[in-house]
Amino acid sequence: MDCCTSGHLARGWLKQRECYDGGVYAQKLKVQLVIRGERRDCPVEWLDQFCMRNFTNAAEFDDTLPLDNGEVEVSFRVTPERFAESLGAWLTQRGKGEGQPLRVEVSRLP
């Protein structure tokens, strides 16, 4: 019996995380924010919220997995440019730039 049929979803999630081998999606991206000239990694909480369909309503971001601050794995349906543009608009709309314009820089990780 697996975690879903036994009703122990939380335990099943923990087991899945233990088995994660780091290669779920096609590409890893580095996501940084530039606010008031200061560059920093995008918080994983913001990446997680952005990648959820109920926040963006964009199917292309369904194939994403936020890993850590400033790191996300994505499918080839997502380009770094599109991710940066969409995340920047979403963060600006929510006032995440500390009252200042913010810029999102996204690059591929090896």
N, C-alpha and C. Protein backbone atom coordinates (compact mmCIF):
# COMPACT_ATOMS: atom_id res chain seq x y z
N MET A 1 0.85 -1.17 0.00
CA MET A 1 0.00 0.00 0.00
C MET A 1 0.90 1.24 0.00
N ASP A 2 0.64 2.17 -0.90
CA ASP A 2 1.46 3.38 -0.95
C ASP A 2 0.87 4.47 -0.07
N CYS A 3 1.57 5.61 -0.03
CA CYS A 3 1.16 6.69 0.88
C CYS A 3 -0.21 7.25 0.54
N CYS A 4 -0.58 7.24 -0.72
CA CYS A 4 -1.86 7.83 -1.10
C CYS A 4 -3.02 6.92 -0.74
N THR A 5 -2.86 5.61 -0.93
CA THR A 5 -3.97 4.72 -0.62
C THR A 5 -4.09 4.44 0.87
N SER A 6 -3.01 4.62 1.60
CA SER A 6 -3.07 4.38 3.04
C SER A 6 -3.58 5.60 3.81
N GLY A 7 -3.67 6.75 3.15
CA GLY A 7 -4.17 7.95 3.80
C GLY A 7 -3.12 8.73 4.55
N HIS A 8 -1.87 8.39 4.40
CA HIS A 8 -0.79 9.08 5.11
C HIS A 8 -0.03 9.96 4.14
N LEU A 9 -0.67 11.00 3.67
CA LEU A 9 -0.07 11.86 2.64
C LEU A 9 1.18 12.57 3.14
N ALA A 10 1.16 13.07 4.37
CA ALA A 10 2.32 13.80 4.88
C ALA A 10 3.54 12.89 4.92
N ARG A 11 3.38 11.67 5.41
CA ARG A 11 4.49 10.73 5.45
C ARG A 11 4.97 10.40 4.04
N GLY A 12 4.04 10.28 3.11
CA GLY A 12 4.39 10.00 1.72
C GLY A 12 5.20 11.13 1.11
N TRP A 13 4.84 12.37 1.42
CA TRP A 13 5.59 13.52 0.89
C TRP A 13 7.03 13.49 1.41
N LEU A 14 7.19 13.19 2.70
CA LEU A 14 8.53 13.12 3.27
C LEU A 14 9.34 12.03 2.59
N LYS A 15 8.73 10.90 2.33
CA LYS A 15 9.42 9.80 1.65
C LYS A 15 9.84 10.23 0.25
N GLN A 16 8.96 10.92 -0.48
CA GLN A 16 9.29 11.38 -1.83
C GLN A 16 10.46 12.35 -1.80
N ARG A 17 10.51 13.25 -0.83
CA ARG A 17 11.62 14.20 -0.73
C ARG A 17 12.93 13.47 -0.48
N GLU A 18 12.90 12.42 0.31
CA GLU A 18 14.11 11.64 0.57
C GLU A 18 14.62 10.98 -0.70
N CYS A 19 13.73 10.64 -1.61
CA CYS A 19 14.11 9.95 -2.85
C CYS A 19 14.46 10.90 -3.98
N TYR A 20 14.26 12.18 -3.80
CA TYR A 20 14.53 13.16 -4.85
C TYR A 20 15.99 13.12 -5.24
N ASP A 21 16.27 12.96 -6.53
CA ASP A 21 17.65 12.83 -6.99
C ASP A 21 18.18 14.08 -7.69
N GLY A 22 17.40 15.16 -7.71
CA GLY A 22 17.90 16.40 -8.27
C GLY A 22 17.72 16.55 -9.77
N GLY A 23 16.97 15.69 -10.41
CA GLY A 23 16.84 15.78 -11.85
C GLY A 23 15.42 15.65 -12.35
N VAL A 24 14.48 16.31 -11.73
CA VAL A 24 13.08 16.15 -12.10
C VAL A 24 12.75 16.88 -13.40
N TYR A 25 13.18 18.11 -13.54
CA TYR A 25 12.83 18.89 -14.70
C TYR A 25 14.04 19.14 -15.60
N ALA A 26 13.80 19.72 -16.74
CA ALA A 26 14.80 19.83 -17.79
C ALA A 26 15.91 20.84 -17.52
N GLN A 27 15.61 21.88 -16.79
CA GLN A 27 16.62 22.92 -16.60
C GLN A 27 16.48 23.57 -15.23
N LYS A 28 17.61 23.99 -14.68
CA LYS A 28 17.62 24.71 -13.41
C LYS A 28 17.90 26.18 -13.71
N LEU A 29 17.18 27.03 -13.01
CA LEU A 29 17.34 28.48 -13.20
C LEU A 29 17.76 29.13 -11.89
N LYS A 30 18.60 30.14 -12.01
CA LYS A 30 18.98 31.02 -10.89
C LYS A 30 18.11 32.26 -11.01
N VAL A 31 17.41 32.62 -9.94
CA VAL A 31 16.47 33.74 -9.96
C VAL A 31 16.91 34.76 -8.92
N GLN A 32 17.29 35.93 -9.41
CA GLN A 32 17.72 37.00 -8.51
C GLN A 32 16.87 38.25 -8.72
N LEU A 33 16.70 38.99 -7.64
CA LEU A 33 15.97 40.25 -7.66
C LEU A 33 16.96 41.38 -7.50
N VAL A 34 16.70 42.48 -8.20
CA VAL A 34 17.50 43.69 -8.01
C VAL A 34 16.54 44.77 -7.53
N ILE A 35 16.72 45.17 -6.27
CA ILE A 35 15.88 46.20 -5.65
C ILE A 35 16.81 47.26 -5.10
N ARG A 36 16.60 48.52 -5.50
CA ARG A 36 17.45 49.64 -5.06
C ARG A 36 18.92 49.36 -5.34
N GLY A 37 19.18 48.70 -6.45
CA GLY A 37 20.56 48.40 -6.84
C GLY A 37 21.18 47.22 -6.11
N GLU A 38 20.45 46.63 -5.19
CA GLU A 38 20.97 45.49 -4.43
C GLU A 38 20.44 44.19 -5.03
N ARG A 39 21.35 43.26 -5.32
CA ARG A 39 20.99 41.97 -5.90
C ARG A 39 20.89 40.93 -4.78
N ARG A 40 19.80 40.13 -4.82
CA ARG A 40 19.63 39.05 -3.85
C ARG A 40 18.81 37.92 -4.47
N ASP A 41 18.97 36.74 -3.92
CA ASP A 41 18.19 35.61 -4.38
C ASP A 41 16.72 35.82 -4.08
N CYS A 42 15.87 35.40 -5.00
CA CYS A 42 14.42 35.48 -4.78
C CYS A 42 14.05 34.47 -3.69
N PRO A 43 13.28 34.89 -2.68
CA PRO A 43 12.87 33.96 -1.62
C PRO A 43 12.08 32.78 -2.19
N VAL A 44 12.37 31.60 -1.67
CA VAL A 44 11.70 30.40 -2.15
C VAL A 44 10.18 30.50 -1.95
N GLU A 45 9.74 31.19 -0.91
CA GLU A 45 8.30 31.35 -0.68
C GLU A 45 7.64 32.09 -1.84
N TRP A 46 8.31 33.12 -2.36
CA TRP A 46 7.76 33.87 -3.49
C TRP A 46 7.77 33.02 -4.75
N LEU A 47 8.83 32.26 -4.96
CA LEU A 47 8.89 31.36 -6.12
C LEU A 47 7.77 30.33 -6.05
N ASP A 48 7.55 29.78 -4.87
CA ASP A 48 6.52 28.77 -4.69
C ASP A 48 5.14 29.35 -4.99
N GLN A 49 4.85 30.53 -4.46
CA GLN A 49 3.54 31.15 -4.71
C GLN A 49 3.36 31.48 -6.19
N PHE A 50 4.41 32.01 -6.81
CA PHE A 50 4.32 32.38 -8.22
C PHE A 50 4.05 31.17 -9.10
N CYS A 51 4.64 30.05 -8.78
CA CYS A 51 4.53 28.87 -9.63
C CYS A 51 3.21 28.12 -9.47
N MET A 52 2.38 28.54 -8.55
CA MET A 52 1.09 27.89 -8.36
C MET A 52 0.07 28.47 -9.34
N ARG A 53 -0.67 27.62 -10.00
CA ARG A 53 -1.62 28.05 -11.04
C ARG A 53 -2.65 29.04 -10.51
N ASN A 54 -3.10 28.89 -9.28
CA ASN A 54 -4.14 29.79 -8.79
C ASN A 54 -3.63 31.22 -8.60
N PHE A 55 -2.30 31.42 -8.63
CA PHE A 55 -1.77 32.77 -8.55
C PHE A 55 -1.50 33.35 -9.93
N THR A 56 -0.98 32.55 -10.85
CA THR A 56 -0.58 33.07 -12.16
C THR A 56 -1.58 32.76 -13.26
N ASN A 57 -2.31 31.67 -13.12
CA ASN A 57 -3.24 31.19 -14.15
C ASN A 57 -2.52 30.94 -15.48
N ALA A 58 -1.24 30.59 -15.41
CA ALA A 58 -0.46 30.31 -16.62
C ALA A 58 -0.01 28.85 -16.59
N ALA A 59 -0.50 28.06 -17.52
CA ALA A 59 -0.21 26.63 -17.55
C ALA A 59 1.28 26.34 -17.70
N GLU A 60 2.02 27.21 -18.38
CA GLU A 60 3.45 26.95 -18.60
C GLU A 60 4.23 26.87 -17.29
N PHE A 61 3.74 27.51 -16.24
CA PHE A 61 4.45 27.49 -14.97
C PHE A 61 4.03 26.33 -14.09
N ASP A 62 3.16 25.44 -14.59
CA ASP A 62 2.82 24.23 -13.85
C ASP A 62 4.03 23.31 -13.75
N ASP A 63 4.89 23.35 -14.76
CA ASP A 63 6.07 22.48 -14.80
C ASP A 63 7.26 23.15 -14.15
N THR A 64 7.08 23.54 -12.90
CA THR A 64 8.15 24.21 -12.16
C THR A 64 8.25 23.59 -10.78
N LEU A 65 9.45 23.68 -10.22
CA LEU A 65 9.68 23.16 -8.89
C LEU A 65 10.66 24.09 -8.18
N PRO A 66 10.15 24.97 -7.30
CA PRO A 66 11.06 25.80 -6.52
C PRO A 66 11.90 24.92 -5.60
N LEU A 67 13.22 25.13 -5.61
CA LEU A 67 14.13 24.29 -4.83
C LEU A 67 14.63 24.97 -3.57
N ASP A 68 14.98 26.24 -3.71
CA ASP A 68 15.62 26.96 -2.61
C ASP A 68 15.54 28.44 -2.96
N ASN A 69 16.02 29.29 -2.08
CA ASN A 69 16.08 30.71 -2.41
C ASN A 69 16.88 30.87 -3.70
N GLY A 70 16.27 31.50 -4.69
CA GLY A 70 16.96 31.79 -5.94
C GLY A 70 17.13 30.62 -6.89
N GLU A 71 16.52 29.47 -6.62
CA GLU A 71 16.66 28.32 -7.50
C GLU A 71 15.32 27.67 -7.79
N VAL A 72 15.13 27.37 -9.08
CA VAL A 72 13.91 26.70 -9.51
C VAL A 72 14.26 25.77 -10.66
N GLU A 73 13.58 24.65 -10.74
CA GLU A 73 13.70 23.76 -11.88
C GLU A 73 12.45 23.94 -12.73
N VAL A 74 12.63 23.94 -14.05
CA VAL A 74 11.52 24.17 -14.96
C VAL A 74 11.64 23.27 -16.18
N SER A 75 10.54 23.10 -16.88
CA SER A 75 10.55 22.34 -18.13
C SER A 75 11.06 23.24 -19.26
N PHE A 76 11.24 22.63 -20.42
CA PHE A 76 11.66 23.43 -21.58
C PHE A 76 10.55 24.35 -22.09
N ARG A 77 9.33 24.20 -21.58
CA ARG A 77 8.25 25.12 -21.96
C ARG A 77 8.50 26.51 -21.40
N VAL A 78 9.35 26.62 -20.40
CA VAL A 78 9.62 27.88 -19.73
C VAL A 78 11.01 28.39 -20.15
N THR A 79 11.07 29.62 -20.63
CA THR A 79 12.36 30.23 -20.95
C THR A 79 12.76 31.16 -19.80
N PRO A 80 14.05 31.37 -19.61
CA PRO A 80 14.48 32.30 -18.55
C PRO A 80 13.89 33.69 -18.76
N GLU A 81 13.81 34.13 -20.00
CA GLU A 81 13.27 35.48 -20.28
C GLU A 81 11.80 35.59 -19.89
N ARG A 82 11.01 34.58 -20.25
CA ARG A 82 9.58 34.59 -19.93
C ARG A 82 9.37 34.48 -18.42
N PHE A 83 10.18 33.65 -17.76
CA PHE A 83 10.07 33.51 -16.32
C PHE A 83 10.38 34.84 -15.63
N ALA A 84 11.45 35.51 -16.05
CA ALA A 84 11.83 36.79 -15.46
C ALA A 84 10.75 37.84 -15.68
N GLU A 85 10.25 37.92 -16.89
CA GLU A 85 9.22 38.91 -17.22
C GLU A 85 7.96 38.68 -16.39
N SER A 86 7.50 37.45 -16.34
CA SER A 86 6.26 37.14 -15.62
C SER A 86 6.41 37.29 -14.12
N LEU A 87 7.53 36.79 -13.58
CA LEU A 87 7.76 36.92 -12.14
C LEU A 87 7.90 38.38 -11.75
N GLY A 88 8.61 39.17 -12.55
CA GLY A 88 8.76 40.59 -12.27
C GLY A 88 7.43 41.32 -12.22
N ALA A 89 6.57 41.04 -13.18
CA ALA A 89 5.24 41.67 -13.21
C ALA A 89 4.42 41.25 -11.99
N TRP A 90 4.49 39.97 -11.66
CA TRP A 90 3.73 39.44 -10.52
C TRP A 90 4.22 40.05 -9.21
N LEU A 91 5.53 40.13 -9.02
CA LEU A 91 6.08 40.70 -7.79
C LEU A 91 5.77 42.20 -7.68
N THR A 92 5.87 42.91 -8.79
CA THR A 92 5.57 44.34 -8.80
C THR A 92 4.11 44.59 -8.44
N GLN A 93 3.23 43.78 -9.02
CA GLN A 93 1.79 43.91 -8.75
C GLN A 93 1.50 43.70 -7.26
N ARG A 94 2.27 42.88 -6.60
CA ARG A 94 2.05 42.60 -5.19
C ARG A 94 2.87 43.48 -4.26
N GLY A 95 3.58 44.47 -4.82
CA GLY A 95 4.31 45.43 -4.00
C GLY A 95 5.53 44.86 -3.31
N LYS A 96 6.17 43.87 -3.91
CA LYS A 96 7.31 43.21 -3.27
C LYS A 96 8.63 43.97 -3.43
N GLY A 97 8.62 45.09 -4.10
CA GLY A 97 9.85 45.84 -4.33
C GLY A 97 10.15 46.88 -3.27
N GLU A 98 9.58 46.73 -2.10
CA GLU A 98 9.80 47.66 -1.00
C GLU A 98 9.51 49.10 -1.43
N GLY A 99 8.46 49.26 -2.21
CA GLY A 99 8.07 50.59 -2.67
C GLY A 99 8.88 51.08 -3.86
N GLN A 100 9.79 50.27 -4.35
CA GLN A 100 10.65 50.64 -5.48
C GLN A 100 10.44 49.66 -6.63
N PRO A 101 10.76 50.10 -7.85
CA PRO A 101 10.70 49.14 -8.96
C PRO A 101 11.71 48.02 -8.72
N LEU A 102 11.37 46.84 -9.15
CA LEU A 102 12.32 45.75 -9.02
C LEU A 102 12.56 45.12 -10.38
N ARG A 103 13.72 44.51 -10.51
CA ARG A 103 14.08 43.82 -11.74
C ARG A 103 14.40 42.37 -11.36
N VAL A 104 13.94 41.45 -12.20
CA VAL A 104 14.22 40.04 -11.98
C VAL A 104 15.22 39.60 -13.03
N GLU A 105 16.30 38.95 -12.59
CA GLU A 105 17.30 38.41 -13.49
C GLU A 105 17.31 36.91 -13.35
N VAL A 106 17.16 36.23 -14.48
CA VAL A 106 17.09 34.76 -14.48
C VAL A 106 18.14 34.23 -15.43
N SER A 107 18.91 33.26 -14.96
CA SER A 107 19.91 32.62 -15.81
C SER A 107 19.88 31.13 -15.59
N ARG A 108 20.35 30.38 -16.57
CA ARG A 108 20.42 28.93 -16.45
C ARG A 108 21.60 28.52 -15.58
N LEU A 109 21.37 27.51 -14.75
CA LEU A 109 22.44 26.93 -13.95
C LEU A 109 22.94 25.67 -14.66
N PRO A 110 24.21 25.35 -14.48
CA PRO A 110 24.73 24.12 -15.12
C PRO A 110 24.11 22.87 -14.52
